[in-house]
Amino acid sequence: QKVALVGPSGSGKSTLISLIPRFYDVTQGAIYLDGQDIRDLKVKSLRQHIAMVLQTPVLFSGTVRQNILYGRPSASEDELIAAAKAANAYDFIQQLSKGFDSEVGEGGGFLSGGQRQRVTIARAYLKNPQILILDEATSALDSTSEKLIQSALEHLMENRTTFIVAHRLSTIINADMILVMKAGQIIDAGTHQQLLNKEGSLYQQLYQ
């Protein structure tokens, strides 16, 4: 399923998804993954099944290749190329002076914002996670980059559980379930159409 979280700034969307990879642990209740309380799982094992694409792409000094392979260091060259193509990153990587062996610079400083984001999507793709978390993944981009990245994310979301935090509601209209948050609470849930049909609802206000 694709589950989207919407709500005003500070409503708790990013905090909620941070509970899934156990950046925090819940103080009440529990989060279950395939029927198991995630606190009973080793953090390393849990996180092996999760990939995150964040608003600010996380790259480290080194080459494009090293940054993508961080998702799965044992991947083959063919798998690396397939991931780059799926992320709409292959063409720009080929145009770099040393291709996959080009340095990205501190924090990815030698690449544009859209290029950095596509490298992180390629990394997530290579990891082939069961759970994907997208936190405002396209909000900092111009419209051309956003189109490329949106299509890469559509590929990436196929056949996996995906949580999407979004400000732009256009990116979540097709979600299977939308959770509406306000002041740390989920106050409404449903599909885009169901929520839109609720007269005077917060979702309707956000959408308009």
N, C-alpha and C. Protein backbone atom coordinates (compact mmCIF):
# COMPACT_ATOMS: atom_id res chain seq x y z
N GLN A 1 0.82 -1.20 0.00
CA GLN A 1 0.00 0.00 0.00
C GLN A 1 0.85 1.25 0.00
N LYS A 2 0.28 2.30 -0.56
CA LYS A 2 0.89 3.63 -0.45
C LYS A 2 0.08 4.39 0.59
N VAL A 3 0.73 4.76 1.69
CA VAL A 3 0.07 5.50 2.76
C VAL A 3 0.68 6.89 2.81
N ALA A 4 -0.16 7.91 2.68
CA ALA A 4 0.35 9.29 2.70
C ALA A 4 -0.01 9.96 4.01
N LEU A 5 0.86 10.86 4.46
CA LEU A 5 0.59 11.65 5.66
C LEU A 5 0.57 13.11 5.28
N VAL A 6 -0.53 13.78 5.62
CA VAL A 6 -0.62 15.21 5.33
C VAL A 6 -1.04 15.95 6.60
N GLY A 7 -0.77 17.25 6.61
CA GLY A 7 -1.15 18.06 7.76
C GLY A 7 -0.27 19.29 7.80
N PRO A 8 -0.67 20.27 8.60
CA PRO A 8 0.13 21.50 8.69
C PRO A 8 1.54 21.21 9.23
N SER A 9 2.46 22.15 9.03
CA SER A 9 3.81 22.02 9.59
C SER A 9 3.70 21.82 11.11
N GLY A 10 4.53 20.91 11.63
CA GLY A 10 4.53 20.69 13.08
C GLY A 10 3.43 19.77 13.57
N SER A 11 2.71 19.11 12.62
CA SER A 11 1.61 18.24 13.07
C SER A 11 2.09 16.84 13.46
N GLY A 12 3.37 16.53 13.18
CA GLY A 12 3.91 15.25 13.64
C GLY A 12 4.17 14.22 12.56
N LYS A 13 4.10 14.64 11.29
CA LYS A 13 4.25 13.68 10.18
C LYS A 13 5.64 13.03 10.18
N SER A 14 6.67 13.86 10.24
CA SER A 14 8.04 13.31 10.19
C SER A 14 8.36 12.52 11.45
N THR A 15 7.81 12.95 12.60
CA THR A 15 8.02 12.21 13.85
C THR A 15 7.40 10.83 13.74
N LEU A 16 6.20 10.78 13.17
CA LEU A 16 5.51 9.49 13.05
C LEU A 16 6.31 8.51 12.19
N ILE A 17 6.80 8.98 11.03
CA ILE A 17 7.54 8.03 10.19
C ILE A 17 8.92 7.71 10.76
N SER A 18 9.44 8.57 11.63
CA SER A 18 10.73 8.28 12.28
C SER A 18 10.61 7.11 13.27
N LEU A 19 9.39 6.78 13.66
CA LEU A 19 9.18 5.64 14.57
C LEU A 19 9.39 4.31 13.86
N ILE A 20 9.21 4.30 12.52
CA ILE A 20 9.26 3.03 11.79
C ILE A 20 10.68 2.44 11.78
N PRO A 21 11.71 3.22 11.44
CA PRO A 21 13.08 2.68 11.51
C PRO A 21 13.68 2.76 12.92
N ARG A 22 12.86 3.14 13.91
CA ARG A 22 13.28 3.25 15.30
C ARG A 22 14.33 4.33 15.54
N PHE A 23 14.15 5.49 14.91
CA PHE A 23 14.95 6.65 15.30
C PHE A 23 14.49 7.10 16.68
N TYR A 24 13.20 6.85 16.96
CA TYR A 24 12.66 6.96 18.31
C TYR A 24 11.92 5.66 18.57
N ASP A 25 11.70 5.33 19.84
CA ASP A 25 10.80 4.22 20.16
C ASP A 25 9.52 4.79 20.76
N VAL A 26 8.42 4.09 20.52
CA VAL A 26 7.15 4.56 21.08
C VAL A 26 7.17 4.42 22.60
N THR A 27 6.46 5.32 23.28
CA THR A 27 6.36 5.26 24.74
C THR A 27 5.05 4.60 25.16
N GLN A 28 4.09 4.56 24.23
CA GLN A 28 2.84 3.85 24.47
C GLN A 28 2.47 3.11 23.20
N GLY A 29 1.72 2.00 23.37
CA GLY A 29 1.32 1.25 22.19
C GLY A 29 2.51 0.55 21.56
N ALA A 30 2.36 0.14 20.31
CA ALA A 30 3.43 -0.60 19.64
C ALA A 30 3.28 -0.46 18.14
N ILE A 31 4.38 -0.67 17.43
CA ILE A 31 4.36 -0.72 15.96
C ILE A 31 4.71 -2.15 15.57
N TYR A 32 3.86 -2.73 14.75
CA TYR A 32 4.06 -4.13 14.35
C TYR A 32 4.44 -4.22 12.88
N LEU A 33 5.39 -5.09 12.61
CA LEU A 33 5.82 -5.37 11.24
C LEU A 33 5.63 -6.87 11.04
N ASP A 34 4.75 -7.23 10.12
CA ASP A 34 4.41 -8.66 9.93
C ASP A 34 4.07 -9.32 11.27
N GLY A 35 3.32 -8.60 12.11
CA GLY A 35 2.85 -9.19 13.38
C GLY A 35 3.87 -9.17 14.51
N GLN A 36 5.06 -8.62 14.25
CA GLN A 36 6.09 -8.58 15.29
C GLN A 36 6.30 -7.15 15.76
N ASP A 37 6.38 -6.97 17.08
CA ASP A 37 6.69 -5.66 17.64
C ASP A 37 8.11 -5.29 17.18
N ILE A 38 8.26 -4.12 16.55
CA ILE A 38 9.58 -3.80 15.99
C ILE A 38 10.65 -3.63 17.08
N ARG A 39 10.22 -3.45 18.33
CA ARG A 39 11.23 -3.35 19.40
C ARG A 39 11.86 -4.71 19.70
N ASP A 40 11.24 -5.79 19.21
CA ASP A 40 11.81 -7.13 19.38
C ASP A 40 12.79 -7.47 18.26
N LEU A 41 12.90 -6.59 17.27
CA LEU A 41 13.80 -6.84 16.15
C LEU A 41 15.10 -6.08 16.37
N LYS A 42 16.20 -6.64 15.87
CA LYS A 42 17.47 -5.91 15.94
C LYS A 42 17.36 -4.71 15.00
N VAL A 43 17.87 -3.56 15.46
CA VAL A 43 17.76 -2.32 14.67
C VAL A 43 18.39 -2.52 13.29
N LYS A 44 19.56 -3.16 13.26
CA LYS A 44 20.24 -3.35 11.98
C LYS A 44 19.38 -4.18 11.02
N SER A 45 18.80 -5.23 11.55
CA SER A 45 17.96 -6.12 10.74
C SER A 45 16.72 -5.36 10.23
N LEU A 46 16.08 -4.58 11.12
CA LEU A 46 14.90 -3.81 10.75
C LEU A 46 15.25 -2.83 9.62
N ARG A 47 16.35 -2.12 9.81
CA ARG A 47 16.69 -1.05 8.85
C ARG A 47 17.17 -1.60 7.50
N GLN A 48 17.58 -2.87 7.48
CA GLN A 48 17.96 -3.47 6.20
C GLN A 48 16.76 -3.54 5.25
N HIS A 49 15.56 -3.51 5.81
CA HIS A 49 14.35 -3.64 4.99
C HIS A 49 13.68 -2.31 4.71
N ILE A 50 14.36 -1.20 5.11
CA ILE A 50 13.77 0.12 4.97
C ILE A 50 14.71 1.03 4.17
N ALA A 51 14.14 1.78 3.23
CA ALA A 51 14.93 2.82 2.55
C ALA A 51 14.19 4.14 2.71
N MET A 52 14.96 5.22 2.83
CA MET A 52 14.37 6.54 3.01
C MET A 52 14.89 7.49 1.93
N VAL A 53 13.98 8.26 1.37
CA VAL A 53 14.37 9.35 0.46
C VAL A 53 13.83 10.62 1.10
N LEU A 54 14.75 11.49 1.50
CA LEU A 54 14.38 12.66 2.31
C LEU A 54 14.37 13.94 1.48
N GLN A 55 13.85 14.99 2.06
CA GLN A 55 13.80 16.29 1.39
C GLN A 55 15.21 16.76 1.04
N THR A 56 16.13 16.59 2.00
CA THR A 56 17.53 16.94 1.75
C THR A 56 18.30 15.66 1.52
N PRO A 57 18.77 15.43 0.29
CA PRO A 57 19.46 14.17 -0.02
C PRO A 57 20.74 14.02 0.82
N VAL A 58 20.96 12.81 1.31
CA VAL A 58 22.15 12.55 2.13
C VAL A 58 23.21 11.85 1.28
N LEU A 59 24.25 12.60 0.91
CA LEU A 59 25.37 12.01 0.17
C LEU A 59 26.65 12.27 0.97
N PHE A 60 27.62 11.38 0.81
CA PHE A 60 28.89 11.57 1.50
C PHE A 60 30.00 11.72 0.47
N SER A 61 31.15 12.26 0.89
CA SER A 61 32.29 12.44 -0.02
C SER A 61 32.67 11.09 -0.60
N GLY A 62 33.00 11.09 -1.87
CA GLY A 62 33.33 9.85 -2.56
C GLY A 62 32.74 9.93 -3.95
N THR A 63 32.66 8.79 -4.62
CA THR A 63 32.19 8.78 -6.00
C THR A 63 30.68 8.51 -6.05
N VAL A 64 30.12 8.76 -7.24
CA VAL A 64 28.71 8.43 -7.47
C VAL A 64 28.50 6.94 -7.20
N ARG A 65 29.42 6.14 -7.71
CA ARG A 65 29.32 4.68 -7.53
C ARG A 65 29.24 4.30 -6.04
N GLN A 66 30.14 4.87 -5.24
CA GLN A 66 30.16 4.53 -3.80
C GLN A 66 28.86 4.95 -3.11
N ASN A 67 28.33 6.09 -3.53
CA ASN A 67 27.10 6.59 -2.91
C ASN A 67 25.90 5.71 -3.25
N ILE A 68 25.86 5.21 -4.47
CA ILE A 68 24.73 4.34 -4.85
C ILE A 68 24.90 2.96 -4.22
N LEU A 69 26.13 2.42 -4.27
CA LEU A 69 26.39 1.08 -3.73
C LEU A 69 26.20 0.98 -2.22
N TYR A 70 26.17 2.13 -1.55
CA TYR A 70 25.94 2.13 -0.11
C TYR A 70 24.63 1.42 0.21
N GLY A 71 23.69 1.46 -0.74
CA GLY A 71 22.40 0.76 -0.54
C GLY A 71 22.57 -0.75 -0.47
N ARG A 72 23.50 -1.28 -1.27
CA ARG A 72 23.77 -2.73 -1.26
C ARG A 72 25.16 -2.95 -1.84
N PRO A 73 26.18 -2.96 -0.97
CA PRO A 73 27.58 -3.00 -1.44
C PRO A 73 27.91 -4.19 -2.34
N SER A 74 27.15 -5.28 -2.22
CA SER A 74 27.48 -6.49 -3.00
C SER A 74 26.88 -6.48 -4.41
N ALA A 75 26.19 -5.39 -4.78
CA ALA A 75 25.49 -5.36 -6.07
C ALA A 75 26.48 -5.43 -7.24
N SER A 76 26.03 -6.01 -8.35
CA SER A 76 26.86 -6.12 -9.55
C SER A 76 26.81 -4.82 -10.35
N GLU A 77 27.69 -4.71 -11.32
CA GLU A 77 27.72 -3.53 -12.20
C GLU A 77 26.39 -3.37 -12.94
N ASP A 78 25.84 -4.49 -13.41
CA ASP A 78 24.56 -4.45 -14.13
C ASP A 78 23.44 -3.93 -13.23
N GLU A 79 23.46 -4.37 -11.97
CA GLU A 79 22.43 -3.93 -11.03
C GLU A 79 22.58 -2.43 -10.71
N LEU A 80 23.84 -2.00 -10.62
CA LEU A 80 24.13 -0.58 -10.37
C LEU A 80 23.57 0.27 -11.52
N ILE A 81 23.83 -0.16 -12.74
CA ILE A 81 23.35 0.59 -13.92
C ILE A 81 21.83 0.57 -13.99
N ALA A 82 21.24 -0.59 -13.69
CA ALA A 82 19.77 -0.69 -13.73
C ALA A 82 19.13 0.25 -12.70
N ALA A 83 19.74 0.35 -11.53
CA ALA A 83 19.21 1.24 -10.48
C ALA A 83 19.33 2.70 -10.92
N ALA A 84 20.47 3.05 -11.54
CA ALA A 84 20.67 4.43 -12.01
C ALA A 84 19.65 4.77 -13.10
N LYS A 85 19.38 3.81 -13.99
CA LYS A 85 18.39 4.05 -15.06
C LYS A 85 17.00 4.20 -14.46
N ALA A 86 16.65 3.35 -13.51
CA ALA A 86 15.32 3.42 -12.89
C ALA A 86 15.11 4.75 -12.17
N ALA A 87 16.21 5.32 -11.66
CA ALA A 87 16.12 6.60 -10.93
C ALA A 87 16.26 7.81 -11.85
N ASN A 88 16.26 7.56 -13.17
CA ASN A 88 16.46 8.65 -14.15
C ASN A 88 17.77 9.38 -13.89
N ALA A 89 18.78 8.63 -13.43
CA ALA A 89 20.07 9.25 -13.10
C ALA A 89 21.16 8.86 -14.10
N TYR A 90 20.93 7.81 -14.87
CA TYR A 90 21.99 7.24 -15.71
C TYR A 90 22.53 8.25 -16.73
N ASP A 91 21.63 9.00 -17.36
CA ASP A 91 22.06 9.91 -18.42
C ASP A 91 22.98 11.01 -17.89
N PHE A 92 22.61 11.62 -16.77
CA PHE A 92 23.47 12.69 -16.25
C PHE A 92 24.78 12.12 -15.72
N ILE A 93 24.74 10.90 -15.16
CA ILE A 93 25.99 10.29 -14.65
C ILE A 93 26.96 10.06 -15.80
N GLN A 94 26.44 9.61 -16.95
CA GLN A 94 27.29 9.35 -18.12
C GLN A 94 27.94 10.64 -18.63
N GLN A 95 27.30 11.77 -18.37
CA GLN A 95 27.85 13.05 -18.85
C GLN A 95 28.90 13.63 -17.90
N LEU A 96 29.03 13.07 -16.70
CA LEU A 96 30.06 13.54 -15.77
C LEU A 96 31.43 13.12 -16.28
N SER A 97 32.49 13.83 -15.86
CA SER A 97 33.82 13.60 -16.43
C SER A 97 34.28 12.15 -16.30
N LYS A 98 33.98 11.51 -15.17
CA LYS A 98 34.42 10.12 -14.98
C LYS A 98 33.24 9.17 -14.78
N GLY A 99 32.06 9.58 -15.25
CA GLY A 99 30.90 8.70 -15.12
C GLY A 99 30.63 8.33 -13.67
N PHE A 100 30.44 7.04 -13.42
CA PHE A 100 30.14 6.56 -12.07
C PHE A 100 31.30 6.81 -11.10
N ASP A 101 32.48 7.01 -11.63
CA ASP A 101 33.65 7.21 -10.75
C ASP A 101 33.96 8.70 -10.52
N SER A 102 33.00 9.56 -10.86
CA SER A 102 33.15 10.99 -10.58
C SER A 102 32.90 11.26 -9.11
N GLU A 103 33.70 12.19 -8.57
CA GLU A 103 33.51 12.59 -7.17
C GLU A 103 32.24 13.44 -7.04
N VAL A 104 31.51 13.25 -5.94
CA VAL A 104 30.29 14.07 -5.75
C VAL A 104 30.56 15.31 -4.90
N GLY A 105 31.74 15.34 -4.22
CA GLY A 105 32.04 16.49 -3.36
C GLY A 105 31.41 16.34 -1.99
N GLU A 106 31.85 17.17 -1.07
CA GLU A 106 31.33 17.14 0.31
C GLU A 106 29.81 17.35 0.30
N GLY A 107 29.07 16.39 0.84
CA GLY A 107 27.61 16.51 0.86
C GLY A 107 26.98 16.50 -0.52
N GLY A 108 27.75 16.06 -1.53
CA GLY A 108 27.21 16.05 -2.90
C GLY A 108 27.27 17.41 -3.57
N GLY A 109 28.17 18.28 -3.07
CA GLY A 109 28.24 19.67 -3.53
C GLY A 109 28.53 19.87 -5.01
N PHE A 110 29.12 18.85 -5.68
CA PHE A 110 29.42 19.01 -7.11
C PHE A 110 28.19 18.71 -7.98
N LEU A 111 27.10 18.26 -7.37
CA LEU A 111 25.90 17.91 -8.14
C LEU A 111 24.78 18.91 -7.83
N SER A 112 23.83 19.02 -8.74
CA SER A 112 22.66 19.89 -8.48
C SER A 112 21.73 19.17 -7.51
N GLY A 113 20.76 19.90 -6.97
CA GLY A 113 19.80 19.30 -6.03
C GLY A 113 19.06 18.13 -6.65
N GLY A 114 18.62 18.31 -7.89
CA GLY A 114 17.89 17.23 -8.57
C GLY A 114 18.77 16.01 -8.83
N GLN A 115 20.04 16.25 -9.16
CA GLN A 115 20.98 15.13 -9.39
C GLN A 115 21.25 14.38 -8.08
N ARG A 116 21.44 15.13 -7.00
CA ARG A 116 21.68 14.49 -5.70
C ARG A 116 20.49 13.60 -5.33
N GLN A 117 19.29 14.14 -5.55
CA GLN A 117 18.09 13.39 -5.18
C GLN A 117 17.98 12.11 -6.00
N ARG A 118 18.35 12.17 -7.28
CA ARG A 118 18.27 10.97 -8.13
C ARG A 118 19.30 9.92 -7.72
N VAL A 119 20.46 10.38 -7.23
CA VAL A 119 21.45 9.42 -6.71
C VAL A 119 20.90 8.70 -5.48
N THR A 120 20.22 9.44 -4.60
CA THR A 120 19.66 8.78 -3.40
C THR A 120 18.52 7.83 -3.77
N ILE A 121 17.77 8.16 -4.84
CA ILE A 121 16.72 7.25 -5.29
C ILE A 121 17.34 5.98 -5.89
N ALA A 122 18.43 6.15 -6.62
CA ALA A 122 19.13 4.97 -7.18
C ALA A 122 19.62 4.07 -6.04
N ARG A 123 20.13 4.70 -4.99
CA ARG A 123 20.60 3.93 -3.81
C ARG A 123 19.45 3.14 -3.19
N ALA A 124 18.30 3.81 -3.04
CA ALA A 124 17.12 3.14 -2.47
C ALA A 124 16.66 2.00 -3.38
N TYR A 125 16.72 2.25 -4.68
CA TYR A 125 16.30 1.25 -5.66
C TYR A 125 17.18 0.00 -5.57
N LEU A 126 18.49 0.24 -5.45
CA LEU A 126 19.44 -0.86 -5.37
C LEU A 126 19.23 -1.69 -4.10
N LYS A 127 18.85 -1.02 -3.04
CA LYS A 127 18.62 -1.71 -1.76
C LYS A 127 17.42 -2.63 -1.84
N ASN A 128 16.46 -2.29 -2.72
CA ASN A 128 15.25 -3.09 -2.90
C ASN A 128 14.54 -3.36 -1.57
N PRO A 129 14.14 -2.29 -0.87
CA PRO A 129 13.57 -2.45 0.47
C PRO A 129 12.13 -2.93 0.43
N GLN A 130 11.66 -3.50 1.54
CA GLN A 130 10.24 -3.85 1.62
C GLN A 130 9.41 -2.64 2.04
N ILE A 131 10.06 -1.71 2.77
CA ILE A 131 9.38 -0.51 3.23
C ILE A 131 10.14 0.71 2.72
N LEU A 132 9.41 1.62 2.10
CA LEU A 132 10.00 2.82 1.55
C LEU A 132 9.38 4.03 2.24
N ILE A 133 10.22 4.97 2.68
CA ILE A 133 9.73 6.18 3.34
C ILE A 133 10.18 7.39 2.51
N LEU A 134 9.22 8.17 2.04
CA LEU A 134 9.52 9.37 1.26
C LEU A 134 9.08 10.58 2.08
N ASP A 135 10.03 11.37 2.51
CA ASP A 135 9.70 12.53 3.34
C ASP A 135 9.95 13.80 2.54
N GLU A 136 8.89 14.37 1.97
CA GLU A 136 8.99 15.60 1.19
C GLU A 136 10.04 15.47 0.09
N ALA A 137 10.05 14.32 -0.59
CA ALA A 137 11.17 14.00 -1.49
C ALA A 137 11.28 14.92 -2.70
N THR A 138 10.21 15.63 -3.06
CA THR A 138 10.31 16.49 -4.25
C THR A 138 10.12 17.96 -3.94
N SER A 139 10.01 18.31 -2.66
CA SER A 139 9.57 19.68 -2.35
C SER A 139 10.62 20.75 -2.65
N ALA A 140 11.90 20.39 -2.71
CA ALA A 140 12.93 21.42 -2.87
C ALA A 140 13.38 21.59 -4.32
N LEU A 141 12.60 21.06 -5.28
CA LEU A 141 13.10 20.98 -6.65
C LEU A 141 12.33 21.86 -7.61
N ASP A 142 13.00 22.20 -8.73
CA ASP A 142 12.30 22.91 -9.79
C ASP A 142 11.41 21.91 -10.54
N SER A 143 10.51 22.42 -11.41
CA SER A 143 9.49 21.54 -11.98
C SER A 143 10.07 20.48 -12.92
N THR A 144 11.18 20.79 -13.64
CA THR A 144 11.77 19.78 -14.53
C THR A 144 12.32 18.63 -13.72
N SER A 145 13.10 18.96 -12.68
CA SER A 145 13.65 17.92 -11.80
C SER A 145 12.53 17.13 -11.15
N GLU A 146 11.47 17.86 -10.76
CA GLU A 146 10.39 17.18 -10.05
C GLU A 146 9.73 16.12 -10.93
N LYS A 147 9.56 16.43 -12.21
CA LYS A 147 8.93 15.46 -13.12
C LYS A 147 9.79 14.20 -13.24
N LEU A 148 11.11 14.40 -13.42
CA LEU A 148 12.04 13.26 -13.52
C LEU A 148 12.00 12.42 -12.25
N ILE A 149 11.99 13.10 -11.12
CA ILE A 149 12.05 12.40 -9.84
C ILE A 149 10.72 11.74 -9.52
N GLN A 150 9.62 12.41 -9.87
CA GLN A 150 8.31 11.81 -9.63
C GLN A 150 8.18 10.49 -10.40
N SER A 151 8.65 10.47 -11.65
CA SER A 151 8.54 9.24 -12.42
C SER A 151 9.48 8.16 -11.86
N ALA A 152 10.66 8.58 -11.36
CA ALA A 152 11.58 7.61 -10.73
C ALA A 152 10.95 7.03 -9.47
N LEU A 153 10.26 7.89 -8.71
CA LEU A 153 9.62 7.41 -7.46
C LEU A 153 8.47 6.46 -7.76
N GLU A 154 7.75 6.70 -8.86
CA GLU A 154 6.66 5.78 -9.23
C GLU A 154 7.22 4.37 -9.44
N HIS A 155 8.36 4.29 -10.14
CA HIS A 155 9.05 2.99 -10.32
C HIS A 155 9.37 2.36 -8.97
N LEU A 156 9.95 3.20 -8.11
CA LEU A 156 10.47 2.72 -6.83
C LEU A 156 9.36 2.22 -5.91
N MET A 157 8.16 2.82 -6.02
CA MET A 157 7.07 2.48 -5.11
C MET A 157 6.36 1.18 -5.47
N GLU A 158 6.62 0.66 -6.67
CA GLU A 158 5.90 -0.54 -7.10
C GLU A 158 6.19 -1.71 -6.16
N ASN A 159 5.12 -2.41 -5.77
CA ASN A 159 5.22 -3.64 -4.98
C ASN A 159 5.95 -3.50 -3.65
N ARG A 160 5.82 -2.36 -3.01
CA ARG A 160 6.38 -2.27 -1.66
C ARG A 160 5.52 -1.32 -0.82
N THR A 161 5.59 -1.51 0.50
CA THR A 161 4.86 -0.63 1.41
C THR A 161 5.55 0.73 1.41
N THR A 162 4.80 1.78 1.11
CA THR A 162 5.40 3.10 1.01
C THR A 162 4.66 4.11 1.90
N PHE A 163 5.43 4.87 2.66
CA PHE A 163 4.88 5.97 3.45
C PHE A 163 5.36 7.27 2.81
N ILE A 164 4.43 8.17 2.52
CA ILE A 164 4.78 9.41 1.84
C ILE A 164 4.35 10.60 2.70
N VAL A 165 5.31 11.44 3.06
CA VAL A 165 4.98 12.71 3.72
C VAL A 165 5.00 13.76 2.63
N ALA A 166 3.91 14.52 2.51
CA ALA A 166 3.85 15.46 1.39
C ALA A 166 3.21 16.78 1.79
N HIS A 167 3.77 17.87 1.22
CA HIS A 167 3.11 19.18 1.31
C HIS A 167 2.29 19.40 0.04
N ARG A 168 2.86 18.94 -1.08
CA ARG A 168 2.15 19.10 -2.35
C ARG A 168 1.16 17.95 -2.49
N LEU A 169 -0.11 18.26 -2.39
CA LEU A 169 -1.10 17.18 -2.40
C LEU A 169 -1.19 16.50 -3.77
N SER A 170 -0.69 17.17 -4.81
CA SER A 170 -0.71 16.55 -6.15
C SER A 170 0.06 15.23 -6.16
N THR A 171 1.05 15.10 -5.26
CA THR A 171 1.90 13.90 -5.27
C THR A 171 1.24 12.70 -4.58
N ILE A 172 0.11 12.92 -3.91
CA ILE A 172 -0.45 11.82 -3.11
C ILE A 172 -1.89 11.46 -3.45
N ILE A 173 -2.41 12.07 -4.53
CA ILE A 173 -3.81 11.82 -4.89
C ILE A 173 -4.08 10.33 -5.09
N ASN A 174 -3.09 9.59 -5.60
CA ASN A 174 -3.30 8.17 -5.89
C ASN A 174 -2.95 7.25 -4.72
N ALA A 175 -2.70 7.79 -3.55
CA ALA A 175 -2.36 6.94 -2.39
C ALA A 175 -3.56 6.05 -2.03
N ASP A 176 -3.26 4.85 -1.52
CA ASP A 176 -4.33 3.94 -1.10
C ASP A 176 -5.02 4.46 0.16
N MET A 177 -4.25 5.14 0.99
CA MET A 177 -4.79 5.65 2.26
C MET A 177 -4.07 6.95 2.59
N ILE A 178 -4.84 7.96 2.97
CA ILE A 178 -4.25 9.23 3.38
C ILE A 178 -4.60 9.46 4.85
N LEU A 179 -3.58 9.71 5.66
CA LEU A 179 -3.79 10.02 7.07
C LEU A 179 -3.63 11.53 7.25
N VAL A 180 -4.61 12.16 7.87
CA VAL A 180 -4.56 13.61 8.08
C VAL A 180 -4.16 13.85 9.53
N MET A 181 -3.08 14.60 9.73
CA MET A 181 -2.56 14.83 11.08
C MET A 181 -2.71 16.28 11.51
N LYS A 182 -2.92 16.45 12.81
CA LYS A 182 -3.00 17.79 13.38
C LYS A 182 -2.56 17.69 14.84
N ALA A 183 -1.58 18.50 15.22
CA ALA A 183 -1.10 18.55 16.62
C ALA A 183 -0.81 17.17 17.19
N GLY A 184 -0.08 16.35 16.41
CA GLY A 184 0.36 15.06 16.93
C GLY A 184 -0.69 13.96 16.91
N GLN A 185 -1.85 14.22 16.32
CA GLN A 185 -2.92 13.21 16.27
C GLN A 185 -3.30 12.94 14.81
N ILE A 186 -3.71 11.69 14.54
CA ILE A 186 -4.33 11.39 13.25
C ILE A 186 -5.82 11.72 13.42
N ILE A 187 -6.30 12.74 12.70
CA ILE A 187 -7.69 13.17 12.93
C ILE A 187 -8.63 12.70 11.83
N ASP A 188 -8.07 12.16 10.73
CA ASP A 188 -8.92 11.69 9.65
C ASP A 188 -8.13 10.71 8.79
N ALA A 189 -8.84 9.82 8.10
CA ALA A 189 -8.17 8.86 7.22
C ALA A 189 -9.13 8.46 6.11
N GLY A 190 -8.59 8.21 4.93
CA GLY A 190 -9.42 7.78 3.82
C GLY A 190 -8.69 7.99 2.52
N THR A 191 -9.37 7.75 1.40
CA THR A 191 -8.77 8.04 0.10
C THR A 191 -8.93 9.54 -0.18
N HIS A 192 -8.26 10.00 -1.22
CA HIS A 192 -8.35 11.41 -1.61
C HIS A 192 -9.81 11.83 -1.79
N GLN A 193 -10.57 11.03 -2.53
CA GLN A 193 -11.95 11.39 -2.83
C GLN A 193 -12.83 11.38 -1.58
N GLN A 194 -12.63 10.35 -0.75
CA GLN A 194 -13.42 10.27 0.50
C GLN A 194 -13.19 11.50 1.37
N LEU A 195 -11.92 11.89 1.50
CA LEU A 195 -11.58 13.03 2.37
C LEU A 195 -12.05 14.35 1.77
N LEU A 196 -11.98 14.42 0.45
CA LEU A 196 -12.40 15.64 -0.24
C LEU A 196 -13.91 15.86 -0.11
N ASN A 197 -14.64 14.75 -0.02
CA ASN A 197 -16.10 14.83 0.07
C ASN A 197 -16.60 15.24 1.45
N LYS A 198 -15.69 15.26 2.44
CA LYS A 198 -16.11 15.63 3.81
C LYS A 198 -16.18 17.14 3.92
N GLU A 199 -17.37 17.65 4.03
CA GLU A 199 -17.58 19.10 4.06
C GLU A 199 -16.86 19.73 5.25
N GLY A 200 -16.06 20.77 4.97
CA GLY A 200 -15.40 21.52 6.04
C GLY A 200 -14.24 20.79 6.70
N SER A 201 -13.78 19.68 6.10
CA SER A 201 -12.69 18.91 6.73
C SER A 201 -11.36 19.63 6.53
N LEU A 202 -10.38 19.30 7.39
CA LEU A 202 -9.05 19.90 7.29
C LEU A 202 -8.43 19.55 5.93
N TYR A 203 -8.65 18.31 5.47
CA TYR A 203 -8.09 17.89 4.17
C TYR A 203 -8.63 18.77 3.05
N GLN A 204 -9.92 19.03 3.11
CA GLN A 204 -10.55 19.88 2.09
C GLN A 204 -9.91 21.27 2.11
N GLN A 205 -9.69 21.80 3.30
CA GLN A 205 -9.04 23.12 3.43
C GLN A 205 -7.62 23.09 2.87
N LEU A 206 -6.86 22.04 3.22
CA LEU A 206 -5.49 21.92 2.73
C LEU A 206 -5.48 21.82 1.21
N TYR A 207 -6.41 21.04 0.69
CA TYR A 207 -6.45 20.82 -0.76
C TYR A 207 -6.78 22.12 -1.51
N GLN A 208 -7.75 22.85 -0.96
CA GLN A 208 -8.14 24.11 -1.63
C GLN A 208 -7.03 25.17 -1.50
